[in-house]
N, C-alpha and C. Protein backbone atom coordinates (compact mmCIF):
# COMPACT_ATOMS: atom_id res chain seq x y z
N MET A 1 -95.72 66.81 -179.20
CA MET A 1 -94.49 67.46 -178.91
C MET A 1 -94.17 67.27 -177.44
N ASP A 2 -92.96 66.85 -177.11
CA ASP A 2 -92.58 66.72 -175.76
C ASP A 2 -91.79 67.94 -175.34
N ALA A 3 -92.32 68.77 -174.51
CA ALA A 3 -91.72 70.03 -174.12
C ALA A 3 -90.34 69.83 -173.47
N ARG A 4 -90.14 68.62 -172.92
CA ARG A 4 -88.85 68.30 -172.23
C ARG A 4 -87.70 67.96 -173.20
N SER A 5 -88.06 67.72 -174.49
CA SER A 5 -87.05 67.37 -175.48
C SER A 5 -86.07 68.50 -175.70
N PRO A 6 -84.78 68.19 -175.72
CA PRO A 6 -83.82 69.29 -175.97
C PRO A 6 -83.92 69.88 -177.42
N LEU A 7 -84.70 69.23 -178.26
CA LEU A 7 -84.89 69.70 -179.59
C LEU A 7 -86.11 70.62 -179.70
N VAL A 8 -86.82 70.78 -178.62
CA VAL A 8 -87.96 71.73 -178.55
C VAL A 8 -87.41 73.13 -178.15
N VAL A 9 -87.73 74.13 -178.97
CA VAL A 9 -87.17 75.46 -178.80
C VAL A 9 -88.28 76.45 -178.49
N SER A 10 -88.06 77.42 -177.57
CA SER A 10 -89.00 78.38 -177.31
C SER A 10 -88.74 79.63 -178.31
N THR A 11 -89.86 80.23 -178.70
CA THR A 11 -89.78 81.42 -179.53
C THR A 11 -90.32 82.70 -178.82
N HIS A 12 -90.39 82.57 -177.46
CA HIS A 12 -91.00 83.62 -176.66
C HIS A 12 -90.31 84.99 -176.91
N GLU A 13 -89.01 84.90 -177.06
CA GLU A 13 -88.25 86.19 -177.21
C GLU A 13 -88.62 86.93 -178.54
N LEU A 14 -89.11 86.24 -179.51
CA LEU A 14 -89.46 86.85 -180.83
C LEU A 14 -90.75 87.70 -180.72
N GLY A 15 -91.69 87.23 -180.02
CA GLY A 15 -92.90 87.96 -179.77
C GLY A 15 -93.68 88.22 -181.02
N ARG A 16 -93.67 87.37 -182.00
CA ARG A 16 -94.38 87.50 -183.25
C ARG A 16 -94.10 88.91 -183.95
N ARG A 17 -92.95 89.45 -183.70
CA ARG A 17 -92.61 90.69 -184.40
C ARG A 17 -91.79 90.38 -185.60
N PRO A 18 -92.31 90.60 -186.78
CA PRO A 18 -91.55 90.24 -188.03
C PRO A 18 -90.22 90.96 -188.04
N GLY A 19 -89.20 90.20 -188.32
CA GLY A 19 -87.80 90.78 -188.29
C GLY A 19 -87.04 90.50 -187.01
N ALA A 20 -87.78 90.16 -185.95
CA ALA A 20 -87.11 89.77 -184.69
C ALA A 20 -86.33 88.44 -184.85
N MET A 21 -85.14 88.44 -184.33
CA MET A 21 -84.29 87.24 -184.50
C MET A 21 -83.61 86.85 -183.21
N ARG A 22 -83.24 85.60 -183.10
CA ARG A 22 -82.41 85.16 -182.04
C ARG A 22 -81.55 83.95 -182.57
N THR A 23 -80.36 83.76 -182.07
CA THR A 23 -79.50 82.62 -182.43
C THR A 23 -79.47 81.56 -181.33
N LEU A 24 -79.25 80.39 -181.76
CA LEU A 24 -79.24 79.27 -180.79
C LEU A 24 -78.10 78.35 -181.12
N GLU A 25 -77.30 78.06 -180.11
CA GLU A 25 -76.20 77.07 -180.23
C GLU A 25 -76.47 76.05 -179.10
N ARG A 26 -76.68 74.81 -179.46
CA ARG A 26 -77.00 73.85 -178.45
C ARG A 26 -76.46 72.47 -178.94
N THR A 27 -75.96 71.67 -177.97
CA THR A 27 -75.58 70.31 -178.27
C THR A 27 -76.63 69.41 -177.61
N VAL A 28 -77.16 68.54 -178.44
CA VAL A 28 -78.26 67.67 -177.97
C VAL A 28 -77.91 66.19 -178.26
N PRO A 29 -78.48 65.26 -177.50
CA PRO A 29 -78.22 63.85 -177.84
C PRO A 29 -79.09 63.43 -179.00
N ALA A 30 -78.47 62.68 -179.93
CA ALA A 30 -79.17 62.22 -181.09
C ALA A 30 -80.39 61.36 -180.76
N PRO A 31 -81.51 61.59 -181.33
CA PRO A 31 -82.68 60.77 -181.07
C PRO A 31 -82.49 59.38 -181.79
N ALA A 32 -83.30 58.44 -181.45
CA ALA A 32 -83.21 57.07 -182.00
C ALA A 32 -83.45 57.04 -183.49
N HIS A 33 -82.82 56.12 -184.19
CA HIS A 33 -83.14 55.94 -185.61
C HIS A 33 -82.86 57.20 -186.46
N LEU A 34 -81.80 57.93 -186.17
CA LEU A 34 -81.55 59.11 -186.91
C LEU A 34 -80.66 58.71 -188.14
N GLY A 35 -81.22 58.29 -189.21
CA GLY A 35 -80.52 57.85 -190.38
C GLY A 35 -81.16 56.76 -191.07
N THR A 36 -80.37 55.84 -191.64
CA THR A 36 -80.87 54.63 -192.32
C THR A 36 -80.34 53.40 -191.66
N GLU A 37 -80.71 52.25 -192.13
CA GLU A 37 -80.26 50.98 -191.62
C GLU A 37 -78.79 50.74 -191.81
N VAL A 38 -78.22 51.27 -192.86
CA VAL A 38 -76.76 51.01 -193.19
C VAL A 38 -75.89 52.13 -192.65
N ILE A 39 -76.36 53.28 -192.47
CA ILE A 39 -75.54 54.39 -191.85
C ILE A 39 -76.44 55.40 -191.12
N ASN A 40 -75.95 55.85 -189.95
CA ASN A 40 -76.81 56.68 -189.14
C ASN A 40 -75.97 57.38 -188.11
N VAL A 41 -76.66 58.27 -187.39
CA VAL A 41 -76.05 58.93 -186.25
C VAL A 41 -76.38 58.09 -184.97
N PRO A 42 -75.42 57.51 -184.30
CA PRO A 42 -75.74 56.71 -183.18
C PRO A 42 -76.59 57.36 -182.12
N GLU A 43 -77.57 56.70 -181.64
CA GLU A 43 -78.44 57.25 -180.64
C GLU A 43 -77.68 57.67 -179.40
N GLY A 44 -77.99 58.89 -179.02
CA GLY A 44 -77.37 59.41 -177.74
C GLY A 44 -76.02 60.21 -177.96
N SER A 45 -75.47 60.05 -179.24
CA SER A 45 -74.27 60.81 -179.56
C SER A 45 -74.54 62.26 -179.73
N ASP A 46 -73.50 63.11 -179.68
CA ASP A 46 -73.72 64.57 -179.72
C ASP A 46 -74.11 65.04 -181.10
N VAL A 47 -75.17 65.86 -181.17
CA VAL A 47 -75.51 66.61 -182.29
C VAL A 47 -75.41 68.15 -182.01
N ALA A 48 -74.53 68.87 -182.73
CA ALA A 48 -74.35 70.28 -182.42
C ALA A 48 -75.18 71.08 -183.33
N LEU A 49 -76.06 71.93 -182.77
CA LEU A 49 -76.98 72.80 -183.56
C LEU A 49 -76.51 74.20 -183.49
N GLU A 50 -76.49 74.86 -184.71
CA GLU A 50 -76.22 76.33 -184.78
C GLU A 50 -77.29 76.84 -185.64
N VAL A 51 -78.32 77.46 -185.10
CA VAL A 51 -79.46 77.98 -185.89
C VAL A 51 -79.80 79.42 -185.55
N ARG A 52 -80.53 79.95 -186.47
CA ARG A 52 -81.15 81.32 -186.20
C ARG A 52 -82.60 81.23 -186.38
N LEU A 53 -83.33 81.82 -185.45
CA LEU A 53 -84.76 81.83 -185.48
C LEU A 53 -85.22 83.33 -185.87
N GLU A 54 -86.04 83.39 -186.87
CA GLU A 54 -86.46 84.75 -187.30
C GLU A 54 -87.98 84.74 -187.48
N ALA A 55 -88.63 85.72 -186.82
CA ALA A 55 -90.04 85.87 -186.96
C ALA A 55 -90.38 86.51 -188.28
N VAL A 56 -91.34 85.89 -189.01
CA VAL A 56 -91.75 86.42 -190.34
C VAL A 56 -93.30 86.57 -190.20
N MET A 57 -93.93 87.00 -191.30
CA MET A 57 -95.41 87.23 -191.25
C MET A 57 -96.15 85.94 -190.98
N ASP A 58 -95.74 84.80 -191.55
CA ASP A 58 -96.52 83.55 -191.39
C ASP A 58 -96.09 82.70 -190.30
N GLY A 59 -94.96 82.99 -189.67
CA GLY A 59 -94.51 82.08 -188.58
C GLY A 59 -93.07 82.39 -188.16
N VAL A 60 -92.30 81.37 -187.92
CA VAL A 60 -90.89 81.49 -187.50
C VAL A 60 -90.01 80.69 -188.39
N LEU A 61 -89.08 81.35 -189.08
CA LEU A 61 -88.16 80.71 -190.00
C LEU A 61 -86.89 80.30 -189.24
N VAL A 62 -86.58 78.99 -189.37
CA VAL A 62 -85.35 78.48 -188.76
C VAL A 62 -84.30 78.10 -189.84
N THR A 63 -83.13 78.64 -189.75
CA THR A 63 -82.07 78.33 -190.61
C THR A 63 -80.76 78.10 -189.88
N GLY A 64 -79.89 77.30 -190.42
CA GLY A 64 -78.66 77.02 -189.77
C GLY A 64 -78.10 75.70 -190.15
N GLN A 65 -77.44 74.99 -189.26
CA GLN A 65 -76.82 73.69 -189.58
C GLN A 65 -76.72 72.85 -188.33
N ALA A 66 -76.53 71.58 -188.57
CA ALA A 66 -76.36 70.59 -187.51
C ALA A 66 -75.15 69.69 -187.91
N SER A 67 -74.30 69.38 -186.94
CA SER A 67 -73.11 68.50 -187.20
C SER A 67 -73.21 67.38 -186.24
N ALA A 68 -72.72 66.20 -186.75
CA ALA A 68 -72.73 65.03 -185.95
C ALA A 68 -71.82 63.99 -186.52
N GLN A 69 -71.49 62.95 -185.75
CA GLN A 69 -70.71 61.83 -186.18
C GLN A 69 -71.67 60.68 -186.68
N VAL A 70 -71.29 60.12 -187.76
CA VAL A 70 -72.08 59.02 -188.35
C VAL A 70 -71.34 57.72 -188.33
N HIS A 71 -72.03 56.60 -188.22
CA HIS A 71 -71.43 55.31 -188.19
C HIS A 71 -72.20 54.38 -189.10
N GLY A 72 -71.51 53.58 -189.91
CA GLY A 72 -72.20 52.70 -190.82
C GLY A 72 -71.29 51.64 -191.36
N GLU A 73 -71.65 51.07 -192.52
CA GLU A 73 -70.95 49.95 -193.13
C GLU A 73 -70.87 50.18 -194.63
N CYS A 74 -69.62 49.96 -195.19
CA CYS A 74 -69.47 50.11 -196.55
C CYS A 74 -70.36 49.13 -197.42
N ALA A 75 -71.03 49.61 -198.37
CA ALA A 75 -71.96 48.80 -199.16
C ALA A 75 -71.24 47.79 -200.02
N ARG A 76 -69.92 47.95 -200.26
CA ARG A 76 -69.18 47.04 -201.12
C ARG A 76 -68.29 46.04 -200.36
N CYS A 77 -67.60 46.52 -199.35
CA CYS A 77 -66.67 45.67 -198.70
C CYS A 77 -67.04 45.35 -197.25
N LEU A 78 -68.06 46.01 -196.72
CA LEU A 78 -68.62 45.81 -195.35
C LEU A 78 -67.69 46.36 -194.29
N ARG A 79 -66.71 47.18 -194.64
CA ARG A 79 -65.83 47.73 -193.67
C ARG A 79 -66.65 48.81 -192.94
N GLU A 80 -66.36 48.99 -191.60
CA GLU A 80 -67.03 49.97 -190.79
C GLU A 80 -66.61 51.43 -191.21
N ILE A 81 -67.62 52.29 -191.20
CA ILE A 81 -67.37 53.66 -191.59
C ILE A 81 -67.70 54.62 -190.43
N ASP A 82 -66.73 55.47 -190.09
CA ASP A 82 -67.01 56.55 -189.13
C ASP A 82 -66.62 57.83 -189.71
N ASP A 83 -67.53 58.80 -189.73
CA ASP A 83 -67.28 60.06 -190.37
C ASP A 83 -68.10 61.16 -189.73
N GLU A 84 -67.80 62.39 -190.11
CA GLU A 84 -68.58 63.50 -189.54
C GLU A 84 -69.38 64.16 -190.66
N MET A 85 -70.60 64.51 -190.35
CA MET A 85 -71.44 65.19 -191.37
C MET A 85 -71.96 66.46 -190.82
N VAL A 86 -72.12 67.42 -191.77
CA VAL A 86 -72.74 68.72 -191.49
C VAL A 86 -73.88 68.92 -192.47
N VAL A 87 -75.08 69.09 -191.90
CA VAL A 87 -76.27 69.22 -192.82
C VAL A 87 -76.86 70.65 -192.59
N PRO A 88 -77.36 71.22 -193.68
CA PRO A 88 -78.09 72.49 -193.53
C PRO A 88 -79.45 72.26 -193.05
N LEU A 89 -79.97 73.25 -192.25
CA LEU A 89 -81.37 73.23 -191.71
C LEU A 89 -82.11 74.41 -192.24
N SER A 90 -83.33 74.19 -192.65
CA SER A 90 -84.15 75.34 -193.09
C SER A 90 -85.61 74.92 -193.05
N GLU A 91 -86.36 75.58 -192.24
CA GLU A 91 -87.76 75.20 -192.02
C GLU A 91 -88.57 76.42 -191.60
N LEU A 92 -89.80 76.61 -192.15
CA LEU A 92 -90.71 77.64 -191.73
C LEU A 92 -91.77 76.98 -190.88
N PHE A 93 -91.79 77.38 -189.64
CA PHE A 93 -92.84 76.88 -188.72
C PHE A 93 -94.03 77.87 -188.69
N TYR A 94 -95.15 77.40 -189.11
CA TYR A 94 -96.30 78.34 -189.33
C TYR A 94 -97.03 78.59 -188.00
N TYR A 95 -97.56 79.76 -187.86
CA TYR A 95 -98.50 80.05 -186.76
C TYR A 95 -99.72 79.24 -187.05
N PRO A 96 -100.37 78.71 -185.97
CA PRO A 96 -101.56 77.85 -186.19
C PRO A 96 -102.63 78.53 -187.02
N GLY A 97 -102.90 79.86 -186.72
CA GLY A 97 -103.93 80.56 -187.49
C GLY A 97 -103.59 80.66 -188.97
N THR A 98 -102.32 80.84 -189.26
CA THR A 98 -101.92 80.93 -190.66
C THR A 98 -102.11 79.55 -191.39
N ARG A 99 -101.79 78.53 -190.72
CA ARG A 99 -102.01 77.23 -191.38
C ARG A 99 -103.45 76.93 -191.58
N GLN A 100 -104.27 77.29 -190.57
CA GLN A 100 -105.72 77.06 -190.71
C GLN A 100 -106.32 77.89 -191.87
N SER A 101 -105.81 79.05 -192.06
CA SER A 101 -106.32 79.86 -193.18
C SER A 101 -105.98 79.13 -194.50
N LEU A 102 -104.77 78.60 -194.60
CA LEU A 102 -104.38 77.86 -195.81
C LEU A 102 -105.24 76.63 -196.05
N VAL A 103 -105.62 75.94 -194.99
CA VAL A 103 -106.50 74.80 -195.10
C VAL A 103 -107.86 75.22 -195.60
N GLU A 104 -108.42 76.28 -195.10
CA GLU A 104 -109.74 76.80 -195.50
C GLU A 104 -109.69 77.29 -196.94
N GLU A 105 -108.56 77.70 -197.42
CA GLU A 105 -108.41 78.16 -198.82
C GLU A 105 -108.26 77.03 -199.77
N GLY A 106 -108.23 75.79 -199.23
CA GLY A 106 -108.15 74.60 -200.13
C GLY A 106 -106.79 74.08 -200.34
N ASP A 107 -105.74 74.56 -199.62
CA ASP A 107 -104.40 74.07 -199.75
C ASP A 107 -104.34 72.61 -199.20
N GLU A 108 -104.24 71.65 -200.09
CA GLU A 108 -104.24 70.21 -199.65
C GLU A 108 -103.07 69.79 -198.79
N GLU A 109 -101.94 70.52 -198.90
CA GLU A 109 -100.76 70.14 -198.18
C GLU A 109 -100.61 70.89 -196.81
N ALA A 110 -101.53 71.78 -196.62
CA ALA A 110 -101.40 72.65 -195.42
C ALA A 110 -101.45 71.86 -194.14
N GLU A 111 -102.21 70.79 -194.09
CA GLU A 111 -102.31 69.98 -192.88
C GLU A 111 -100.94 69.42 -192.43
N GLU A 112 -100.05 69.25 -193.33
CA GLU A 112 -98.74 68.60 -193.09
C GLU A 112 -97.70 69.64 -192.73
N LEU A 113 -98.04 70.92 -192.82
CA LEU A 113 -97.02 71.98 -192.63
C LEU A 113 -96.54 71.98 -191.11
N PRO A 114 -95.28 72.11 -190.81
CA PRO A 114 -94.79 72.24 -189.45
C PRO A 114 -95.40 73.53 -188.81
N THR A 115 -95.89 73.31 -187.58
CA THR A 115 -96.62 74.38 -186.92
C THR A 115 -96.12 74.68 -185.49
N LEU A 116 -96.11 75.85 -185.09
CA LEU A 116 -95.80 76.17 -183.75
C LEU A 116 -96.90 75.70 -182.77
N GLU A 117 -96.50 75.19 -181.63
CA GLU A 117 -97.47 74.84 -180.59
C GLU A 117 -97.27 75.85 -179.46
N GLY A 118 -98.17 76.84 -179.41
CA GLY A 118 -97.98 77.92 -178.48
C GLY A 118 -96.79 78.73 -178.95
N GLU A 119 -95.77 78.84 -178.15
CA GLU A 119 -94.58 79.51 -178.43
C GLU A 119 -93.38 78.60 -178.68
N GLN A 120 -93.66 77.31 -178.89
CA GLN A 120 -92.58 76.38 -179.06
C GLN A 120 -92.60 75.68 -180.39
N LEU A 121 -91.47 75.25 -180.82
CA LEU A 121 -91.30 74.47 -182.11
C LEU A 121 -90.43 73.27 -181.83
N ASP A 122 -90.60 72.26 -182.59
CA ASP A 122 -89.85 71.03 -182.47
C ASP A 122 -88.99 70.80 -183.64
N LEU A 123 -87.66 70.87 -183.36
CA LEU A 123 -86.70 70.68 -184.47
C LEU A 123 -86.39 69.25 -184.90
N GLU A 124 -86.94 68.29 -184.12
CA GLU A 124 -86.56 66.92 -184.43
C GLU A 124 -86.98 66.48 -185.85
N PRO A 125 -88.18 66.68 -186.27
CA PRO A 125 -88.56 66.29 -187.64
C PRO A 125 -87.71 66.98 -188.71
N THR A 126 -87.37 68.19 -188.48
CA THR A 126 -86.45 68.99 -189.39
C THR A 126 -85.07 68.38 -189.43
N LEU A 127 -84.55 68.04 -188.28
CA LEU A 127 -83.24 67.42 -188.22
C LEU A 127 -83.27 66.08 -188.86
N ARG A 128 -84.31 65.31 -188.59
CA ARG A 128 -84.34 63.93 -189.15
C ARG A 128 -84.42 63.96 -190.66
N ASP A 129 -85.25 64.80 -191.20
CA ASP A 129 -85.33 64.88 -192.70
C ASP A 129 -84.03 65.34 -193.31
N ALA A 130 -83.33 66.26 -192.67
CA ALA A 130 -82.07 66.80 -193.25
C ALA A 130 -80.98 65.69 -193.21
N VAL A 131 -80.92 64.99 -192.10
CA VAL A 131 -79.86 63.94 -192.01
C VAL A 131 -80.15 62.80 -193.01
N VAL A 132 -81.39 62.30 -193.08
CA VAL A 132 -81.67 61.21 -194.01
C VAL A 132 -81.46 61.60 -195.42
N LEU A 133 -81.79 62.81 -195.84
CA LEU A 133 -81.58 63.26 -197.22
C LEU A 133 -80.09 63.39 -197.53
N ALA A 134 -79.27 63.71 -196.50
CA ALA A 134 -77.83 63.94 -196.78
C ALA A 134 -77.01 62.69 -196.74
N LEU A 135 -77.53 61.63 -196.06
CA LEU A 135 -76.77 60.40 -196.02
C LEU A 135 -76.82 59.63 -197.35
N PRO A 136 -75.69 58.98 -197.74
CA PRO A 136 -75.68 58.27 -199.06
C PRO A 136 -76.60 57.02 -198.99
N PHE A 137 -77.21 56.69 -200.04
CA PHE A 137 -78.04 55.46 -200.12
C PHE A 137 -77.18 54.24 -200.04
N GLN A 138 -75.99 54.23 -200.62
CA GLN A 138 -75.04 53.09 -200.57
C GLN A 138 -73.64 53.77 -200.05
N PRO A 139 -73.42 53.83 -198.73
CA PRO A 139 -72.14 54.42 -198.25
C PRO A 139 -70.93 53.62 -198.64
N LEU A 140 -69.86 54.28 -198.94
CA LEU A 140 -68.61 53.63 -199.35
C LEU A 140 -67.47 54.09 -198.47
N CYS A 141 -66.59 53.21 -198.12
CA CYS A 141 -65.45 53.58 -197.26
C CYS A 141 -64.44 54.44 -198.06
N THR A 142 -64.35 54.23 -199.40
CA THR A 142 -63.63 55.13 -200.25
C THR A 142 -64.37 55.19 -201.55
N PRO A 143 -64.33 56.23 -202.36
CA PRO A 143 -65.07 56.33 -203.57
C PRO A 143 -64.75 55.21 -204.57
N ASP A 144 -63.49 54.68 -204.53
CA ASP A 144 -63.09 53.68 -205.47
C ASP A 144 -62.99 52.31 -204.84
N CYS A 145 -63.71 52.06 -203.77
CA CYS A 145 -63.63 50.76 -202.99
C CYS A 145 -63.92 49.64 -204.00
N PRO A 146 -62.97 48.66 -204.13
CA PRO A 146 -63.21 47.57 -205.10
C PRO A 146 -64.17 46.47 -204.60
N GLY A 147 -64.45 46.49 -203.33
CA GLY A 147 -65.42 45.53 -202.79
C GLY A 147 -64.84 44.24 -202.35
N LEU A 148 -65.57 43.17 -202.42
CA LEU A 148 -65.14 41.78 -202.05
C LEU A 148 -64.91 40.91 -203.26
N CYS A 149 -63.99 39.98 -203.11
CA CYS A 149 -63.72 38.96 -204.13
C CYS A 149 -65.00 38.09 -204.30
N ASP A 150 -65.51 37.92 -205.47
CA ASP A 150 -66.69 37.14 -205.59
C ASP A 150 -66.39 35.67 -205.54
N ARG A 151 -65.17 35.25 -205.40
CA ARG A 151 -64.81 33.82 -205.27
C ARG A 151 -64.56 33.46 -203.85
N CYS A 152 -63.80 34.25 -203.12
CA CYS A 152 -63.42 33.87 -201.69
C CYS A 152 -63.84 34.84 -200.68
N GLY A 153 -64.41 36.01 -201.05
CA GLY A 153 -64.95 36.97 -200.15
C GLY A 153 -63.96 37.82 -199.44
N VAL A 154 -62.61 37.78 -199.82
CA VAL A 154 -61.70 38.65 -199.14
C VAL A 154 -61.83 40.05 -199.66
N ARG A 155 -61.48 41.04 -198.78
CA ARG A 155 -61.54 42.43 -199.22
C ARG A 155 -60.45 42.74 -200.32
N LEU A 156 -60.84 43.13 -201.51
CA LEU A 156 -59.90 43.28 -202.55
C LEU A 156 -58.89 44.40 -202.27
N ALA A 157 -59.25 45.40 -201.47
CA ALA A 157 -58.36 46.49 -201.12
C ALA A 157 -57.22 45.98 -200.25
N ASP A 158 -57.51 44.98 -199.46
CA ASP A 158 -56.49 44.37 -198.53
C ASP A 158 -55.70 43.32 -199.29
N ALA A 159 -56.31 42.61 -200.18
CA ALA A 159 -55.67 41.49 -200.89
C ALA A 159 -54.55 41.98 -201.92
N GLY A 160 -54.77 43.22 -202.41
CA GLY A 160 -53.83 43.73 -203.42
C GLY A 160 -54.10 43.42 -204.82
N PRO A 161 -53.39 44.07 -205.74
CA PRO A 161 -53.78 43.88 -207.17
C PRO A 161 -53.43 42.55 -207.76
N ASP A 162 -52.52 41.76 -207.05
CA ASP A 162 -52.15 40.47 -207.58
C ASP A 162 -53.12 39.31 -207.19
N HIS A 163 -54.13 39.69 -206.36
CA HIS A 163 -55.06 38.64 -205.95
C HIS A 163 -55.91 38.09 -207.14
N HIS A 164 -55.83 36.79 -207.36
CA HIS A 164 -56.62 36.19 -208.40
C HIS A 164 -56.88 34.69 -208.11
N HIS A 165 -57.72 34.07 -208.88
CA HIS A 165 -57.98 32.60 -208.81
C HIS A 165 -57.77 32.05 -210.16
N GLU A 166 -57.25 30.81 -210.21
CA GLU A 166 -57.01 30.11 -211.45
C GLU A 166 -58.35 29.81 -212.15
N GLU A 167 -58.38 30.20 -213.41
CA GLU A 167 -59.66 30.03 -214.13
C GLU A 167 -59.50 28.83 -215.15
N LEU A 168 -60.34 27.84 -215.04
CA LEU A 168 -60.28 26.66 -215.92
C LEU A 168 -61.13 26.92 -217.17
N ASP A 169 -60.52 26.63 -218.38
CA ASP A 169 -61.21 26.74 -219.63
C ASP A 169 -62.45 25.95 -219.56
N PRO A 170 -63.62 26.49 -219.87
CA PRO A 170 -64.87 25.72 -219.74
C PRO A 170 -64.89 24.46 -220.68
N ARG A 171 -64.12 24.43 -221.74
CA ARG A 171 -64.04 23.28 -222.63
C ARG A 171 -63.35 22.15 -221.86
N TRP A 172 -62.27 22.48 -221.14
CA TRP A 172 -61.59 21.42 -220.37
C TRP A 172 -62.41 21.00 -219.17
N SER A 173 -63.21 21.89 -218.63
CA SER A 173 -64.10 21.58 -217.53
C SER A 173 -65.07 20.58 -217.99
N ALA A 174 -65.69 20.68 -219.15
CA ALA A 174 -66.68 19.68 -219.62
C ALA A 174 -65.97 18.33 -219.91
N LEU A 175 -64.72 18.41 -220.45
CA LEU A 175 -64.02 17.14 -220.72
C LEU A 175 -63.70 16.39 -219.38
N GLY A 176 -63.31 17.22 -218.40
CA GLY A 176 -62.98 16.63 -217.11
C GLY A 176 -64.25 15.96 -216.53
N SER A 177 -65.39 16.56 -216.65
CA SER A 177 -66.61 15.95 -216.13
C SER A 177 -66.91 14.59 -216.83
N LEU A 178 -66.72 14.58 -218.17
CA LEU A 178 -66.95 13.35 -218.95
C LEU A 178 -66.01 12.26 -218.52
N LEU A 179 -64.79 12.61 -218.37
CA LEU A 179 -63.74 11.65 -217.97
C LEU A 179 -64.04 11.05 -216.59
N ALA A 180 -64.55 11.89 -215.67
CA ALA A 180 -64.91 11.41 -214.37
C ALA A 180 -66.03 10.38 -214.42
N GLU A 181 -67.00 10.68 -215.32
CA GLU A 181 -68.10 9.70 -215.50
C GLU A 181 -67.67 8.40 -216.08
N VAL A 182 -66.69 8.40 -217.00
CA VAL A 182 -66.21 7.19 -217.61
C VAL A 182 -65.44 6.34 -216.54
N GLU A 183 -64.57 7.04 -215.79
CA GLU A 183 -63.90 6.37 -214.74
C GLU A 183 -64.80 5.74 -213.70
N ALA A 184 -65.85 6.46 -213.40
CA ALA A 184 -66.85 5.90 -212.41
C ALA A 184 -67.52 4.69 -212.94
N ASP A 185 -67.85 4.68 -214.24
CA ASP A 185 -68.44 3.45 -214.89
C ASP A 185 -67.51 2.29 -214.84
N ASP A 186 -66.18 2.53 -215.14
CA ASP A 186 -65.22 1.47 -215.15
C ASP A 186 -65.06 0.90 -213.75
N GLU A 187 -65.02 1.64 -212.78
CA GLU A 187 -64.95 1.19 -211.35
C GLU A 187 -66.19 0.36 -210.99
N ALA A 188 -67.30 0.81 -211.45
CA ALA A 188 -68.51 0.01 -211.17
C ALA A 188 -68.51 -1.36 -211.80
N ASP A 189 -67.97 -1.41 -213.01
CA ASP A 189 -67.86 -2.68 -213.72
C ASP A 189 -66.89 -3.66 -213.04
N ASP A 190 -65.81 -3.04 -212.56
CA ASP A 190 -64.78 -3.93 -211.83
C ASP A 190 -65.33 -4.50 -210.57
N ARG A 191 -66.25 -3.76 -209.96
CA ARG A 191 -66.74 -4.22 -208.63
C ARG A 191 -67.94 -5.18 -208.81
N ALA A 192 -68.56 -5.31 -210.02
CA ALA A 192 -69.72 -6.17 -210.25
C ALA A 192 -69.34 -7.63 -210.04
N PRO A 193 -70.09 -8.51 -209.40
CA PRO A 193 -69.71 -9.97 -209.22
C PRO A 193 -69.96 -10.67 -210.53
N GLU A 194 -69.20 -11.77 -210.74
CA GLU A 194 -69.32 -12.54 -211.97
C GLU A 194 -70.55 -13.39 -211.85
N THR A 195 -71.36 -13.44 -212.86
CA THR A 195 -72.66 -14.17 -212.80
C THR A 195 -72.62 -15.35 -213.74
N ARG A 196 -73.41 -16.42 -213.50
CA ARG A 196 -73.50 -17.58 -214.25
C ARG A 196 -74.55 -17.43 -215.32
N ASP A 197 -74.39 -18.15 -216.44
CA ASP A 197 -75.40 -18.14 -217.49
C ASP A 197 -76.65 -18.79 -216.95
N ARG A 198 -77.80 -18.18 -217.21
CA ARG A 198 -79.07 -18.71 -216.68
C ARG A 198 -79.36 -20.16 -217.22
N THR A 199 -78.73 -20.56 -218.37
CA THR A 199 -78.97 -21.92 -218.96
C THR A 199 -78.12 -22.94 -218.28
N GLY A 200 -77.22 -22.50 -217.36
CA GLY A 200 -76.27 -23.45 -216.76
C GLY A 200 -75.09 -23.69 -217.60
N ASN A 201 -74.93 -22.96 -218.62
CA ASN A 201 -73.77 -23.18 -219.52
C ASN A 201 -72.59 -22.31 -219.15
N GLY A 202 -72.40 -22.02 -217.88
CA GLY A 202 -71.34 -21.23 -217.37
C GLY A 202 -70.12 -22.07 -217.37
N PRO A 203 -69.02 -21.58 -216.88
CA PRO A 203 -67.74 -22.33 -216.80
C PRO A 203 -67.97 -23.58 -215.97
N GLY A 204 -67.50 -24.75 -216.50
CA GLY A 204 -67.59 -26.03 -215.75
C GLY A 204 -68.97 -26.64 -215.78
N SER A 205 -69.89 -26.20 -216.68
CA SER A 205 -71.20 -26.82 -216.74
C SER A 205 -71.16 -28.14 -217.41
N ALA A 206 -72.23 -28.89 -217.30
CA ALA A 206 -72.30 -30.29 -217.84
C ALA A 206 -72.21 -30.24 -219.32
N ALA A 207 -72.67 -29.12 -219.91
CA ALA A 207 -72.69 -29.09 -221.40
C ALA A 207 -71.28 -29.02 -221.93
N ASP A 208 -70.33 -28.62 -221.14
CA ASP A 208 -68.96 -28.49 -221.62
C ASP A 208 -68.23 -29.76 -221.38
N ARG A 209 -68.79 -30.74 -220.69
CA ARG A 209 -68.04 -31.94 -220.41
C ARG A 209 -68.21 -32.92 -221.52
């Protein structure tokens, strides 16, 4: 944990008194790689946090929300997407002693539980998990985006409903290929040089005289 991070929050005011609460409103720069490869919160852009910290028996419960601008690319037509997202935040940060007790009791997942370090907690993992889970796996510019034309690659939404390509009947296509082969053979025959009979009986030979 980097104590200088704006996502690190002090719980000193709570004093481990169950029921003690404080609210926090803070705008922080988005950390790197906040999202997926196709859509994410740009690094350094504003992330607005509105959270409540409440001391409970096992630790500090954090609830609230985060809002930010997201930028990405439509999975169908590749158009750029810019939108705002609001994600809920909810995480229990355990006191170190509580987590250790769970480990000793045989809780196999206790080692991975978020834990306070002294009187501080780090909201970055919580924020990162919430954003990634909220982002669509395949973002779309509109729910009914028709995508790209599979023939020429134009955006179908821009091309309009009349956009189409002439379709050749596959039977005529096969006939056209056969005709092209015949024409190619005829041209080859026309270009072939005239040859003499190997016996010398070609035009004007002695046998004809």
